[in-house]
Amino acid sequence: MGQSDSDPEEAITKEEIQSGEPPPKKPRNAFTELMTCKPQTKPAVASHSRGNPFGGRMGLGAYLSDPASYPASRVIYHTADFVVIHDMFHKATVHTLLLPRSASHNLLHPFEAFDDAEFLAKVRAEALKLKSLAAKELRRRLASFSKAEAKREAVLNGDAEGGGELPPGRDWEKEIICGIHAVPSMSHLHVHVLSREMHSECVRHRKHYNSFQTPFLVDLDDFPLKEDDPRRDTKREGYLQRDLKCWRCGKNFGNQFKKLKDHLEEEFREWRRE
């Protein structure tokens, strides 16, 4: 398979494999601009045929190699051990990727990498931090629509007295999911940390949806996997080809993707009002 081909057993498309984004000249603050599905400029990531080591499926390596060269609109934060970025083709209101920088792990399949208990513990600890950050961003974007946030918002806006304490509001961390795809789309190890509602124009195909709404997405807490875990054989299980079912109400849309998308729009409005 070529570097730009998309396998039917994985969640990525050819367009997504080929896309890249050059860093703008002026950096911006993290989470201050909406994520976009497509780069608005010509991709800076060239193909392997041109000698660029970060072309195609190796694209995430550019962030690991020099995260400081990217603005905060792309790289949210980075440490000696991790880089956290916005998913360029976000599949939800908030969709981030946690990239471990460990050279001995970051090109392994996650099933193999997470057999290392010490490494897995380190990734889990960082994922918890990112989950909290993602939940805060989700609250920032959607709190004004939520009934559970009404009292808290009123205090923050000065429309009500808090009695010395800020009301807790909605538990946004419960709306964040965290895991890896059983068939990774990119060569470098990456953990998806995203809101669960699948509200995005970048959800364009059945496999986009099912890759996050079936066991194809393996929760980070489920590792290490047993040898006989069915998620080790996605081809046999056919996760990406399963019926389309609403994540919230469970309604089965079969293979009617457009009807599912219309339904998801309605569910999103109801969900954010909770």
C-alpha atoms as a PDB file:
ATOM      1  CA  MET A   1       0.000   0.000   0.000  1.00  0.00           C
ATOM      2  CA  GLY A   2       1.305   3.455  -0.903  1.00  0.00           C
ATOM      3  CA  GLN A   3       1.776   6.311   1.503  1.00  0.00           C
ATOM      4  CA  SER A   4      -1.314   8.082   0.176  1.00  0.00           C
ATOM      5  CA  ASP A   5      -3.666   5.117  -0.059  1.00  0.00           C
ATOM      6  CA  SER A   6      -6.522   4.576   2.380  1.00  0.00           C
ATOM      7  CA  ASP A   7      -7.297   1.046   3.539  1.00  0.00           C
ATOM      8  CA  PRO A   8     -10.991   0.089   3.909  1.00  0.00           C
ATOM      9  CA  GLU A   9     -10.185  -1.172   7.416  1.00  0.00           C
ATOM     10  CA  GLU A  10      -8.990   2.234   8.636  1.00  0.00           C
ATOM     11  CA  ALA A  11     -10.787   5.493   9.391  1.00  0.00           C
ATOM     12  CA  ILE A  12      -8.726   7.930   7.355  1.00  0.00           C
ATOM     13  CA  THR A  13      -9.330   9.100   3.770  1.00  0.00           C
ATOM     14  CA  LYS A  14      -6.799   9.758   1.025  1.00  0.00           C
ATOM     15  CA  GLU A  15      -7.444  13.500   1.362  1.00  0.00           C
ATOM     16  CA  GLU A  16      -6.621  13.404   5.063  1.00  0.00           C
ATOM     17  CA  ILE A  17      -3.429  11.422   4.503  1.00  0.00           C
ATOM     18  CA  GLN A  18      -2.147  13.921   1.963  1.00  0.00           C
ATOM     19  CA  SER A  19      -3.032  17.119   3.831  1.00  0.00           C
ATOM     20  CA  GLY A  20      -0.625  19.167   5.877  1.00  0.00           C
ATOM     21  CA  GLU A  21      -0.433  22.709   7.184  1.00  0.00           C
ATOM     22  CA  PRO A  22       2.453  25.182   7.342  1.00  0.00           C
ATOM     23  CA  PRO A  23       2.764  27.220  10.539  1.00  0.00           C
ATOM     24  CA  PRO A  24       1.443  30.793  10.200  1.00  0.00           C
ATOM     25  CA  LYS A  25       3.898  33.603  10.846  1.00  0.00           C
ATOM     26  CA  LYS A  26       2.104  34.911  13.917  1.00  0.00           C
ATOM     27  CA  PRO A  27       1.213  32.406  16.691  1.00  0.00           C
ATOM     28  CA  ARG A  28      -2.216  32.470  18.330  1.00  0.00           C
ATOM     29  CA  ASN A  29      -3.476  31.373  21.735  1.00  0.00           C
ATOM     30  CA  ALA A  30      -4.585  27.782  22.203  1.00  0.00           C
ATOM     31  CA  PHE A  31      -8.277  27.077  21.627  1.00  0.00           C
ATOM     32  CA  THR A  32      -8.992  30.624  20.404  1.00  0.00           C
ATOM     33  CA  GLU A  33      -9.960  29.849  16.831  1.00  0.00           C
ATOM     34  CA  LEU A  34     -12.240  27.227  15.369  1.00  0.00           C
ATOM     35  CA  MET A  35     -10.585  24.122  14.024  1.00  0.00           C
ATOM     36  CA  THR A  36     -10.972  23.662  10.294  1.00  0.00           C
ATOM     37  CA  CYS A  37     -11.322  20.530   8.199  1.00  0.00           C
ATOM     38  CA  LYS A  38      -8.985  21.658   5.449  1.00  0.00           C
ATOM     39  CA  PRO A  39      -5.822  23.708   5.407  1.00  0.00           C
ATOM     40  CA  GLN A  40      -6.532  27.055   3.800  1.00  0.00           C
ATOM     41  CA  THR A  41      -3.107  27.182   2.209  1.00  0.00           C
ATOM     42  CA  LYS A  42      -1.144  24.814   0.027  1.00  0.00           C
ATOM     43  CA  PRO A  43       0.117  21.906   2.154  1.00  0.00           C
ATOM     44  CA  ALA A  44       3.687  22.269   3.337  1.00  0.00           C
ATOM     45  CA  VAL A  45       4.069  18.525   3.817  1.00  0.00           C
ATOM     46  CA  ALA A  46       5.505  17.000   0.688  1.00  0.00           C
ATOM     47  CA  SER A  47       5.448  13.379  -0.370  1.00  0.00           C
ATOM     48  CA  HIS A  48       8.178  10.895   0.463  1.00  0.00           C
ATOM     49  CA  SER A  49       9.168  10.911  -3.173  1.00  0.00           C
ATOM     50  CA  ARG A  50      10.470  14.442  -2.637  1.00  0.00           C
ATOM     51  CA  GLY A  51      12.559  13.425   0.330  1.00  0.00           C
ATOM     52  CA  ASN A  52      10.416  14.889   3.098  1.00  0.00           C
ATOM     53  CA  PRO A  53      10.469  12.470   6.059  1.00  0.00           C
ATOM     54  CA  PHE A  54       7.139  13.860   7.289  1.00  0.00           C
ATOM     55  CA  GLY A  55       5.059  13.273   4.179  1.00  0.00           C
ATOM     56  CA  GLY A  56       1.908  11.156   4.070  1.00  0.00           C
ATOM     57  CA  ARG A  57       1.410   8.864   7.044  1.00  0.00           C
ATOM     58  CA  MET A  58       4.532  10.210   8.730  1.00  0.00           C
ATOM     59  CA  GLY A  59       2.993  13.682   8.990  1.00  0.00           C
ATOM     60  CA  LEU A  60       2.627  13.695  12.776  1.00  0.00           C
ATOM     61  CA  GLY A  61       6.378  13.388  13.071  1.00  0.00           C
ATOM     62  CA  ALA A  62       6.755  17.039  12.120  1.00  0.00           C
ATOM     63  CA  TYR A  63       4.998  18.064  15.342  1.00  0.00           C
ATOM     64  CA  LEU A  64       7.198  15.744  17.398  1.00  0.00           C
ATOM     65  CA  SER A  65      10.350  16.981  15.741  1.00  0.00           C
ATOM     66  CA  ASP A  66       9.805  20.717  16.173  1.00  0.00           C
ATOM     67  CA  PRO A  67       6.575  21.575  18.006  1.00  0.00           C
ATOM     68  CA  ALA A  68       7.786  25.084  18.826  1.00  0.00           C
ATOM     69  CA  SER A  69       7.694  25.993  15.127  1.00  0.00           C
ATOM     70  CA  TYR A  70       3.896  25.668  15.113  1.00  0.00           C
ATOM     71  CA  PRO A  71       1.443  28.240  16.492  1.00  0.00           C
ATOM     72  CA  ALA A  72      -0.855  27.517  19.410  1.00  0.00           C
ATOM     73  CA  SER A  73      -3.720  27.268  16.946  1.00  0.00           C
ATOM     74  CA  ARG A  74      -2.174  23.945  15.916  1.00  0.00           C
ATOM     75  CA  VAL A  75       0.092  22.810  18.776  1.00  0.00           C
ATOM     76  CA  ILE A  76      -1.766  23.310  22.054  1.00  0.00           C
ATOM     77  CA  TYR A  77       1.227  22.535  24.280  1.00  0.00           C
ATOM     78  CA  HIS A  78       4.363  20.432  24.322  1.00  0.00           C
ATOM     79  CA  THR A  79       6.733  19.007  26.912  1.00  0.00           C
ATOM     80  CA  ALA A  80       9.837  16.842  26.782  1.00  0.00           C
ATOM     81  CA  ASP A  81       7.578  13.758  26.696  1.00  0.00           C
ATOM     82  CA  PHE A  82       4.440  14.800  24.793  1.00  0.00           C
ATOM     83  CA  VAL A  83       3.043  17.056  22.108  1.00  0.00           C
ATOM     84  CA  VAL A  84      -0.667  17.917  22.050  1.00  0.00           C
ATOM     85  CA  ILE A  85      -2.290  19.176  18.861  1.00  0.00           C
ATOM     86  CA  HIS A  86      -5.680  19.932  17.389  1.00  0.00           C
ATOM     87  CA  ASP A  87      -6.833  17.223  15.006  1.00  0.00           C
ATOM     88  CA  MET A  88      -6.794  18.942  11.621  1.00  0.00           C
ATOM     89  CA  PHE A  89      -9.876  16.956  10.555  1.00  0.00           C
ATOM     90  CA  HIS A  90     -11.741  17.261  13.846  1.00  0.00           C
ATOM     91  CA  LYS A  91     -14.664  14.878  14.298  1.00  0.00           C
ATOM     92  CA  ALA A  92     -16.281  16.725  17.220  1.00  0.00           C
ATOM     93  CA  THR A  93     -16.578  20.169  18.816  1.00  0.00           C
ATOM     94  CA  VAL A  94     -13.270  19.559  20.592  1.00  0.00           C
ATOM     95  CA  HIS A  95     -10.851  17.032  19.112  1.00  0.00           C
ATOM     96  CA  THR A  96      -7.223  16.827  20.184  1.00  0.00           C
ATOM     97  CA  LEU A  97      -4.378  14.358  19.698  1.00  0.00           C
ATOM     98  CA  LEU A  98      -1.858  13.336  22.346  1.00  0.00           C
ATOM     99  CA  LEU A  99       1.478  12.437  20.740  1.00  0.00           C
ATOM    100  CA  PRO A 100       4.079  10.647  22.911  1.00  0.00           C
ATOM    101  CA  ARG A 101       7.629  11.657  22.014  1.00  0.00           C
ATOM    102  CA  SER A 102       9.334   8.468  23.241  1.00  0.00           C
ATOM    103  CA  ALA A 103      11.516   7.347  20.343  1.00  0.00           C
ATOM    104  CA  SER A 104      11.298   3.721  21.451  1.00  0.00           C
ATOM    105  CA  HIS A 105       7.477   3.745  21.395  1.00  0.00           C
ATOM    106  CA  ASN A 106       6.141   6.362  19.005  1.00  0.00           C
ATOM    107  CA  LEU A 107       6.381   4.255  15.849  1.00  0.00           C
ATOM    108  CA  LEU A 108       4.964   1.104  17.418  1.00  0.00           C
ATOM    109  CA  HIS A 109       1.386  -0.053  16.999  1.00  0.00           C
ATOM    110  CA  PRO A 110      -0.444   1.054  20.185  1.00  0.00           C
ATOM    111  CA  PHE A 111      -1.284  -2.567  21.056  1.00  0.00           C
ATOM    112  CA  GLU A 112       2.458  -3.196  21.289  1.00  0.00           C
ATOM    113  CA  ALA A 113       3.469   0.141  22.781  1.00  0.00           C
ATOM    114  CA  PHE A 114       0.951  -0.132  25.608  1.00  0.00           C
ATOM    115  CA  ASP A 115       2.228  -3.555  26.643  1.00  0.00           C
ATOM    116  CA  ASP A 116       4.928  -1.495  28.369  1.00  0.00           C
ATOM    117  CA  ALA A 117       3.279  -0.813  31.745  1.00  0.00           C
ATOM    118  CA  GLU A 118       5.533   2.115  32.651  1.00  0.00           C
ATOM    119  CA  PHE A 119       4.954   3.825  29.319  1.00  0.00           C
ATOM    120  CA  LEU A 120       1.199   3.183  29.483  1.00  0.00           C
ATOM    121  CA  ALA A 121       1.020   4.743  32.956  1.00  0.00           C
ATOM    122  CA  LYS A 122       2.811   7.860  31.716  1.00  0.00           C
ATOM    123  CA  VAL A 123       0.465   8.206  28.723  1.00  0.00           C
ATOM    124  CA  ARG A 124      -2.607   7.721  30.920  1.00  0.00           C
ATOM    125  CA  ALA A 125      -1.460  10.407  33.338  1.00  0.00           C
ATOM    126  CA  GLU A 126      -0.954  12.901  30.495  1.00  0.00           C
ATOM    127  CA  ALA A 127      -4.252  11.917  28.889  1.00  0.00           C
ATOM    128  CA  LEU A 128      -6.053  12.744  32.140  1.00  0.00           C
ATOM    129  CA  LYS A 129      -4.549  16.234  32.072  1.00  0.00           C
ATOM    130  CA  LEU A 130      -5.587  16.668  28.461  1.00  0.00           C
ATOM    131  CA  LYS A 131      -9.077  15.342  29.178  1.00  0.00           C
ATOM    132  CA  SER A 132      -9.483  18.026  31.834  1.00  0.00           C
ATOM    133  CA  LEU A 133      -8.239  20.700  29.426  1.00  0.00           C
ATOM    134  CA  ALA A 134     -10.590  19.483  26.689  1.00  0.00           C
ATOM    135  CA  ALA A 135     -13.525  19.531  29.128  1.00  0.00           C
ATOM    136  CA  LYS A 136     -12.732  23.131  30.065  1.00  0.00           C
ATOM    137  CA  GLU A 137     -12.694  24.104  26.412  1.00  0.00           C
ATOM    138  CA  LEU A 138     -15.989  22.317  25.819  1.00  0.00           C
ATOM    139  CA  ARG A 139     -17.479  24.236  28.749  1.00  0.00           C
ATOM    140  CA  ARG A 140     -16.147  27.500  27.356  1.00  0.00           C
ATOM    141  CA  ARG A 141     -17.839  26.858  24.040  1.00  0.00           C
ATOM    142  CA  LEU A 142     -21.136  25.348  25.153  1.00  0.00           C
ATOM    143  CA  ALA A 143     -21.877  26.412  28.740  1.00  0.00           C
ATOM    144  CA  SER A 144     -24.170  29.226  27.640  1.00  0.00           C
ATOM    145  CA  PHE A 145     -26.529  26.660  26.047  1.00  0.00           C
ATOM    146  CA  SER A 146     -26.631  24.217  28.992  1.00  0.00           C
ATOM    147  CA  LYS A 147     -29.419  24.132  31.587  1.00  0.00           C
ATOM    148  CA  ALA A 148     -27.044  22.500  34.073  1.00  0.00           C
ATOM    149  CA  GLU A 149     -24.737  25.503  33.726  1.00  0.00           C
ATOM    150  CA  ALA A 150     -27.411  28.172  34.220  1.00  0.00           C
ATOM    151  CA  LYS A 151     -26.697  28.957  37.878  1.00  0.00           C
ATOM    152  CA  ARG A 152     -22.959  28.890  37.367  1.00  0.00           C
ATOM    153  CA  GLU A 153     -23.188  31.150  34.324  1.00  0.00           C
ATOM    154  CA  ALA A 154     -25.399  33.574  36.229  1.00  0.00           C
ATOM    155  CA  VAL A 155     -22.787  33.918  38.981  1.00  0.00           C
ATOM    156  CA  LEU A 156     -19.950  34.304  36.484  1.00  0.00           C
ATOM    157  CA  ASN A 157     -21.892  36.989  34.611  1.00  0.00           C
ATOM    158  CA  GLY A 158     -22.697  38.862  37.832  1.00  0.00           C
ATOM    159  CA  ASP A 159     -26.430  38.218  37.500  1.00  0.00           C
ATOM    160  CA  ALA A 160     -26.645  36.180  40.715  1.00  0.00           C
ATOM    161  CA  GLU A 161     -24.867  35.801  44.046  1.00  0.00           C
ATOM    162  CA  GLY A 162     -22.811  32.672  44.493  1.00  0.00           C
ATOM    163  CA  GLY A 163     -22.828  32.653  48.283  1.00  0.00           C
ATOM    164  CA  GLY A 164     -19.067  32.519  48.307  1.00  0.00           C
ATOM    165  CA  GLU A 165     -18.880  29.438  46.064  1.00  0.00           C
ATOM    166  CA  LEU A 166     -19.186  28.977  42.344  1.00  0.00           C
ATOM    167  CA  PRO A 167     -21.894  26.408  41.469  1.00  0.00           C
ATOM    168  CA  PRO A 168     -20.294  23.264  40.002  1.00  0.00           C
ATOM    169  CA  GLY A 169     -22.399  23.206  36.850  1.00  0.00           C
ATOM    170  CA  ARG A 170     -22.269  20.377  34.328  1.00  0.00           C
ATOM    171  CA  ASP A 171     -19.682  17.588  34.474  1.00  0.00           C
ATOM    172  CA  TRP A 172     -18.088  18.190  31.086  1.00  0.00           C
ATOM    173  CA  GLU A 173     -15.386  15.567  31.604  1.00  0.00           C
ATOM    174  CA  LYS A 174     -18.080  12.909  31.227  1.00  0.00           C
ATOM    175  CA  GLU A 175     -18.581  14.204  27.698  1.00  0.00           C
ATOM    176  CA  ILE A 176     -14.942  13.549  26.728  1.00  0.00           C
ATOM    177  CA  ILE A 177     -13.786  10.225  25.291  1.00  0.00           C
ATOM    178  CA  CYS A 178     -10.199   9.059  25.055  1.00  0.00           C
ATOM    179  CA  GLY A 179      -8.710   6.228  23.051  1.00  0.00           C
ATOM    180  CA  ILE A 180      -6.860   4.935  20.012  1.00  0.00           C
ATOM    181  CA  HIS A 181      -8.019   3.461  16.736  1.00  0.00           C
ATOM    182  CA  ALA A 182      -7.483  -0.287  16.496  1.00  0.00           C
ATOM    183  CA  VAL A 183      -6.071   0.352  13.014  1.00  0.00           C
ATOM    184  CA  PRO A 184      -4.060   3.573  13.363  1.00  0.00           C
ATOM    185  CA  SER A 185      -4.372   5.961  10.444  1.00  0.00           C
ATOM    186  CA  MET A 186      -0.957   7.577  10.890  1.00  0.00           C
ATOM    187  CA  SER A 187       2.424   6.000  11.573  1.00  0.00           C
ATOM    188  CA  HIS A 188       3.154   7.813  14.825  1.00  0.00           C
ATOM    189  CA  LEU A 189       1.361   6.744  17.986  1.00  0.00           C
ATOM    190  CA  HIS A 190      -1.472   9.133  18.827  1.00  0.00           C
ATOM    191  CA  VAL A 191      -4.306   9.143  21.348  1.00  0.00           C
ATOM    192  CA  HIS A 192      -7.612  10.801  20.474  1.00  0.00           C
ATOM    193  CA  VAL A 193      -9.111  12.991  23.203  1.00  0.00           C
ATOM    194  CA  LEU A 194     -12.391  14.484  22.011  1.00  0.00           C
ATOM    195  CA  SER A 195     -15.946  15.389  22.893  1.00  0.00           C
ATOM    196  CA  ARG A 196     -18.354  12.573  22.231  1.00  0.00           C
ATOM    197  CA  GLU A 197     -21.085  14.215  20.143  1.00  0.00           C
ATOM    198  CA  MET A 198     -19.591  13.783  16.626  1.00  0.00           C
ATOM    199  CA  HIS A 199     -20.798  17.233  15.572  1.00  0.00           C
ATOM    200  CA  SER A 200     -18.499  18.283  12.755  1.00  0.00           C
ATOM    201  CA  GLU A 201     -18.612  18.853   9.025  1.00  0.00           C
ATOM    202  CA  CYS A 202     -15.503  16.659   8.900  1.00  0.00           C
ATOM    203  CA  VAL A 203     -17.625  13.596   9.693  1.00  0.00           C
ATOM    204  CA  ARG A 204     -18.185  12.826   6.022  1.00  0.00           C
ATOM    205  CA  HIS A 205     -18.161   9.056   5.767  1.00  0.00           C
ATOM    206  CA  ARG A 206     -19.544   5.997   7.488  1.00  0.00           C
ATOM    207  CA  LYS A 207     -16.058   5.023   8.613  1.00  0.00           C
ATOM    208  CA  HIS A 208     -15.458   8.452  10.146  1.00  0.00           C
ATOM    209  CA  TYR A 209     -18.454   7.929  12.402  1.00  0.00           C
ATOM    210  CA  ASN A 210     -18.022   4.251  13.199  1.00  0.00           C
ATOM    211  CA  SER A 211     -14.339   4.679  13.992  1.00  0.00           C
ATOM    212  CA  PHE A 212     -15.388   6.579  17.125  1.00  0.00           C
ATOM    213  CA  GLN A 213     -18.741   4.957  17.875  1.00  0.00           C
ATOM    214  CA  THR A 214     -17.826   1.259  17.781  1.00  0.00           C
ATOM    215  CA  PRO A 215     -15.114  -0.789  19.546  1.00  0.00           C
ATOM    216  CA  PHE A 216     -12.797   0.342  16.734  1.00  0.00           C
ATOM    217  CA  LEU A 217     -11.978   3.125  19.221  1.00  0.00           C
ATOM    218  CA  VAL A 218     -10.210   1.356  22.072  1.00  0.00           C
ATOM    219  CA  ASP A 219     -10.511   3.205  25.375  1.00  0.00           C
ATOM    220  CA  LEU A 220      -7.133   3.992  26.889  1.00  0.00           C
ATOM    221  CA  ASP A 221      -8.307   2.468  30.168  1.00  0.00           C
ATOM    222  CA  ASP A 222      -8.771  -0.919  28.459  1.00  0.00           C
ATOM    223  CA  PHE A 223      -5.047  -1.425  27.926  1.00  0.00           C
ATOM    224  CA  PRO A 224      -3.152  -3.672  27.965  1.00  0.00           C
ATOM    225  CA  LEU A 225      -5.424  -5.814  25.782  1.00  0.00           C
ATOM    226  CA  LYS A 226      -5.661  -9.562  26.213  1.00  0.00           C
ATOM    227  CA  GLU A 227      -4.349 -11.684  23.370  1.00  0.00           C
ATOM    228  CA  ASP A 228      -7.852 -12.893  22.484  1.00  0.00           C
ATOM    229  CA  ASP A 229      -9.461  -9.435  22.557  1.00  0.00           C
ATOM    230  CA  PRO A 230     -11.682  -9.155  19.451  1.00  0.00           C
ATOM    231  CA  ARG A 231     -10.460  -5.611  18.834  1.00  0.00           C
ATOM    232  CA  ARG A 232      -7.191  -7.124  17.681  1.00  0.00           C
ATOM    233  CA  ASP A 233      -8.989  -8.404  14.577  1.00  0.00           C
ATOM    234  CA  THR A 234     -10.948  -5.481  13.156  1.00  0.00           C
ATOM    235  CA  LYS A 235     -11.307  -7.106   9.733  1.00  0.00           C
ATOM    236  CA  ARG A 236     -13.177 -10.052  11.203  1.00  0.00           C
ATOM    237  CA  GLU A 237     -15.289  -7.821  13.449  1.00  0.00           C
ATOM    238  CA  GLY A 238     -16.107  -5.355  10.662  1.00  0.00           C
ATOM    239  CA  TYR A 239     -16.501  -2.385  13.001  1.00  0.00           C
ATOM    240  CA  LEU A 240     -16.350   0.250  10.275  1.00  0.00           C
ATOM    241  CA  GLN A 241     -19.020  -1.516   8.210  1.00  0.00           C
ATOM    242  CA  ARG A 242     -21.520  -1.852  11.051  1.00  0.00           C
ATOM    243  CA  ASP A 243     -24.928  -0.175  11.029  1.00  0.00           C
ATOM    244  CA  LEU A 244     -24.898   3.514  11.848  1.00  0.00           C
ATOM    245  CA  LYS A 245     -26.346   4.035  15.324  1.00  0.00           C
ATOM    246  CA  CYS A 246     -26.892   7.318  17.122  1.00  0.00           C
ATOM    247  CA  TRP A 247     -24.421   7.727  19.959  1.00  0.00           C
ATOM    248  CA  ARG A 248     -27.059   9.379  22.149  1.00  0.00           C
ATOM    249  CA  CYS A 249     -30.414   7.640  21.583  1.00  0.00           C
ATOM    250  CA  GLY A 250     -29.248   4.431  19.919  1.00  0.00           C
ATOM    251  CA  LYS A 251     -31.506   4.748  16.867  1.00  0.00           C
ATOM    252  CA  ASN A 252     -30.307   2.511  14.034  1.00  0.00           C
ATOM    253  CA  PHE A 253     -29.919   4.194  10.630  1.00  0.00           C
ATOM    254  CA  GLY A 254     -28.482   1.161   8.857  1.00  0.00           C
ATOM    255  CA  ASN A 255     -26.343   2.516   6.037  1.00  0.00           C
ATOM    256  CA  GLN A 256     -28.258   5.796   5.665  1.00  0.00           C
ATOM    257  CA  PHE A 257     -25.466   8.213   6.438  1.00  0.00           C
ATOM    258  CA  LYS A 258     -27.274  11.416   5.410  1.00  0.00           C
ATOM    259  CA  LYS A 259     -30.222  10.605   7.673  1.00  0.00           C
ATOM    260  CA  LEU A 260     -27.815   9.956  10.505  1.00  0.00           C
ATOM    261  CA  LYS A 261     -26.103  13.313   9.908  1.00  0.00           C
ATOM    262  CA  ASP A 262     -29.427  15.155   9.978  1.00  0.00           C
ATOM    263  CA  HIS A 263     -30.335  13.335  13.177  1.00  0.00           C
ATOM    264  CA  LEU A 264     -26.971  14.142  14.770  1.00  0.00           C
ATOM    265  CA  GLU A 265     -27.644  17.834  14.210  1.00  0.00           C
ATOM    266  CA  GLU A 266     -30.862  17.537  16.213  1.00  0.00           C
ATOM    267  CA  GLU A 267     -29.185  15.475  18.914  1.00  0.00           C
ATOM    268  CA  PHE A 268     -26.375  17.987  19.213  1.00  0.00           C
ATOM    269  CA  ARG A 269     -28.820  20.799  19.971  1.00  0.00           C
ATOM    270  CA  GLU A 270     -30.559  18.663  22.605  1.00  0.00           C
ATOM    271  CA  TRP A 271     -27.312  17.413  24.110  1.00  0.00           C
ATOM    272  CA  ARG A 272     -25.797  20.852  24.584  1.00  0.00           C
ATOM    273  CA  ARG A 273     -29.015  21.976  26.320  1.00  0.00           C
ATOM    274  CA  GLU A 274     -28.698  19.311  29.022  1.00  0.00           C
END
